Amino acid sequence: MPAASTDRRPRASRALALEVTAAVLIPIGVLVLAVNWFTAYGCFIHACGNPQPGNQATYAVVAPVVVASVVWTIISAWRREAGWIFLWHAVMALIALAVVILCAVPSFEVSSPEPSHTPWSGCAEFSGGDSDCLGG
């Protein structure tokens, strides 16, 4: 029976170490996602950015790491029955998940439809008729 009690201590310390690591990764990931979104869509002086494949790749890698870190910190704190830490992780989880959703860089292009209009013919008829204009 003593072996069982000694096995439990390293497992708990590993879980706590993973929780601390995940808790550190969350704010770093949130900052990376915010900067990534700003470089993809932000405007600097007169030039506005468009998402590049690097922005999309950064989001595709960092967002799942942030979500996994959020899930791990919540589960770990809940299993340890750490009340105040659980509340702290819950608040950080809401902030982190909001940033993950709001700072998304989609991998597809969102474009607005072209406005339908009649093309300008370059001819303006004011004199009552001219051979250069259609119909006159």
Protein backbone atom coordinates (compact mmCIF):
# COMPACT_ATOMS: atom_id res chain seq x y z
CA MET A 1 0.00 0.00 0.00
CA PRO A 2 2.81 2.54 0.53
CA ALA A 3 3.61 2.40 -3.18
CA ALA A 4 0.16 3.71 -4.03
CA SER A 5 0.56 6.77 -1.83
CA THR A 6 3.98 7.59 -3.30
CA ASP A 7 2.62 7.25 -6.85
CA ARG A 8 -0.11 9.78 -6.18
CA ARG A 9 2.27 12.63 -5.24
CA PRO A 10 4.22 12.74 -8.56
CA ARG A 11 0.98 12.54 -10.55
CA ALA A 12 -0.47 15.50 -8.62
CA SER A 13 2.70 17.53 -9.03
CA ARG A 14 2.78 16.80 -12.78
CA ALA A 15 -0.85 17.84 -13.11
CA LEU A 16 -0.14 21.05 -11.19
CA ALA A 17 2.93 21.73 -13.35
CA LEU A 18 0.82 21.26 -16.48
CA GLU A 19 -1.84 23.57 -15.05
CA VAL A 20 0.74 26.28 -14.37
CA THR A 21 2.24 25.83 -17.83
CA ALA A 22 -1.20 26.07 -19.44
CA ALA A 23 -2.04 29.12 -17.32
CA VAL A 24 1.12 30.83 -18.61
CA LEU A 25 0.38 29.83 -22.22
CA ILE A 26 -3.09 31.41 -22.18
CA PRO A 27 -2.08 35.11 -21.91
CA ILE A 28 0.84 34.56 -24.28
CA GLY A 29 -1.51 32.97 -26.81
CA VAL A 30 -4.06 35.76 -26.37
CA LEU A 31 -1.38 38.37 -27.11
CA VAL A 32 -0.14 36.42 -30.14
CA LEU A 33 -3.69 36.13 -31.50
CA ALA A 34 -4.40 39.84 -30.97
CA VAL A 35 -1.16 40.91 -32.68
CA ASN A 36 -1.76 38.39 -35.47
CA TRP A 37 -5.26 39.80 -36.08
CA PHE A 38 -3.96 43.37 -36.08
CA THR A 39 -1.22 42.55 -38.58
CA ALA A 40 -3.79 40.78 -40.78
CA TYR A 41 -6.46 43.50 -40.74
CA GLY A 42 -4.92 46.59 -39.14
CA CYS A 43 -4.22 49.84 -40.94
CA PHE A 44 -0.82 51.51 -40.59
CA ILE A 45 -0.83 55.18 -41.66
CA HIS A 46 -2.33 54.68 -45.16
CA ALA A 47 -1.88 50.99 -45.85
CA CYS A 48 -4.44 48.44 -44.69
CA GLY A 49 -3.41 44.83 -44.40
CA ASN A 50 -4.93 41.75 -45.92
CA PRO A 51 -4.62 38.33 -44.31
CA GLN A 52 -1.60 36.43 -45.53
CA PRO A 53 -1.11 32.66 -45.35
CA GLY A 54 1.24 33.25 -42.40
CA ASN A 55 -1.55 34.95 -40.44
CA GLN A 56 -3.88 32.06 -41.14
CA ALA A 57 -1.23 29.50 -40.15
CA THR A 58 -0.50 31.37 -36.91
CA TYR A 59 -4.19 31.37 -36.02
CA ALA A 60 -4.54 27.68 -36.94
CA VAL A 61 -1.69 26.76 -34.57
CA VAL A 62 -2.17 29.18 -31.66
CA ALA A 63 -5.98 29.07 -31.32
CA PRO A 64 -6.16 25.30 -30.59
CA VAL A 65 -3.28 25.63 -28.11
CA VAL A 66 -5.15 28.40 -26.27
CA VAL A 67 -8.40 26.40 -26.25
CA ALA A 68 -6.63 23.27 -25.00
CA SER A 69 -4.86 25.30 -22.30
CA VAL A 70 -8.17 26.80 -21.18
CA VAL A 71 -9.80 23.39 -20.98
CA TRP A 72 -6.84 21.91 -19.07
CA THR A 73 -6.68 24.72 -16.49
CA ILE A 74 -10.42 24.51 -15.82
CA ILE A 75 -10.39 20.71 -15.46
CA SER A 76 -7.23 20.69 -13.36
CA ALA A 77 -8.45 23.36 -10.96
CA TRP A 78 -11.83 21.64 -10.66
CA ARG A 79 -10.22 18.27 -9.91
CA ARG A 80 -7.97 19.86 -7.26
CA GLU A 81 -11.02 21.62 -5.78
CA ALA A 82 -9.16 24.91 -5.83
CA GLY A 83 -12.02 27.37 -5.45
CA TRP A 84 -10.41 30.77 -6.04
CA ILE A 85 -8.03 29.43 -8.67
CA PHE A 86 -10.98 27.83 -10.44
CA LEU A 87 -12.77 31.19 -10.52
CA TRP A 88 -9.63 32.90 -11.82
CA HIS A 89 -9.25 30.28 -14.57
CA ALA A 90 -12.94 30.68 -15.45
CA VAL A 91 -12.55 34.44 -15.92
CA MET A 92 -9.40 33.97 -17.95
CA ALA A 93 -11.17 31.29 -20.00
CA LEU A 94 -13.97 33.68 -20.94
CA ILE A 95 -11.48 36.34 -22.00
CA ALA A 96 -9.32 33.88 -23.92
CA LEU A 97 -12.24 32.26 -25.73
CA ALA A 98 -13.61 35.69 -26.66
CA VAL A 99 -10.23 36.61 -28.16
CA VAL A 100 -10.06 33.28 -30.02
CA ILE A 101 -13.46 33.98 -31.57
CA LEU A 102 -13.07 37.72 -32.20
CA CYS A 103 -9.52 37.55 -33.54
CA ALA A 104 -10.17 34.77 -36.02
CA VAL A 105 -8.32 34.95 -39.34
CA PRO A 106 -10.40 32.83 -41.71
CA SER A 107 -8.70 30.75 -44.37
CA PHE A 108 -11.27 31.75 -46.97
CA GLU A 109 -11.63 35.10 -48.68
CA VAL A 110 -14.64 37.19 -47.80
CA SER A 111 -15.52 39.50 -50.65
CA SER A 112 -18.44 41.76 -51.32
CA PRO A 113 -20.39 41.34 -54.55
CA GLU A 114 -19.67 43.71 -57.41
CA PRO A 115 -22.27 46.47 -57.72
CA SER A 116 -24.42 46.08 -60.81
CA HIS A 117 -24.51 49.19 -62.95
CA THR A 118 -24.55 50.11 -66.60
CA PRO A 119 -21.11 50.95 -67.87
CA TRP A 120 -20.49 54.50 -68.94
CA SER A 121 -20.22 54.76 -72.71
CA GLY A 122 -18.13 57.92 -72.65
CA CYS A 123 -20.72 59.78 -74.65
CA ALA A 124 -22.90 62.59 -73.37
CA GLU A 125 -25.43 63.93 -75.82
CA PHE A 126 -26.32 67.57 -75.24
CA SER A 127 -26.59 69.02 -78.73
CA GLY A 128 -29.54 67.07 -80.03
CA GLY A 129 -27.66 64.38 -81.91
CA ASP A 130 -24.18 63.36 -82.88
CA SER A 131 -22.82 60.47 -84.88
CA ASP A 132 -20.45 59.47 -82.05
CA CYS A 133 -23.25 58.70 -79.57
CA LEU A 134 -25.58 55.76 -79.78
CA GLY A 135 -29.06 56.71 -80.83
CA GLY A 136 -28.20 60.15 -81.98
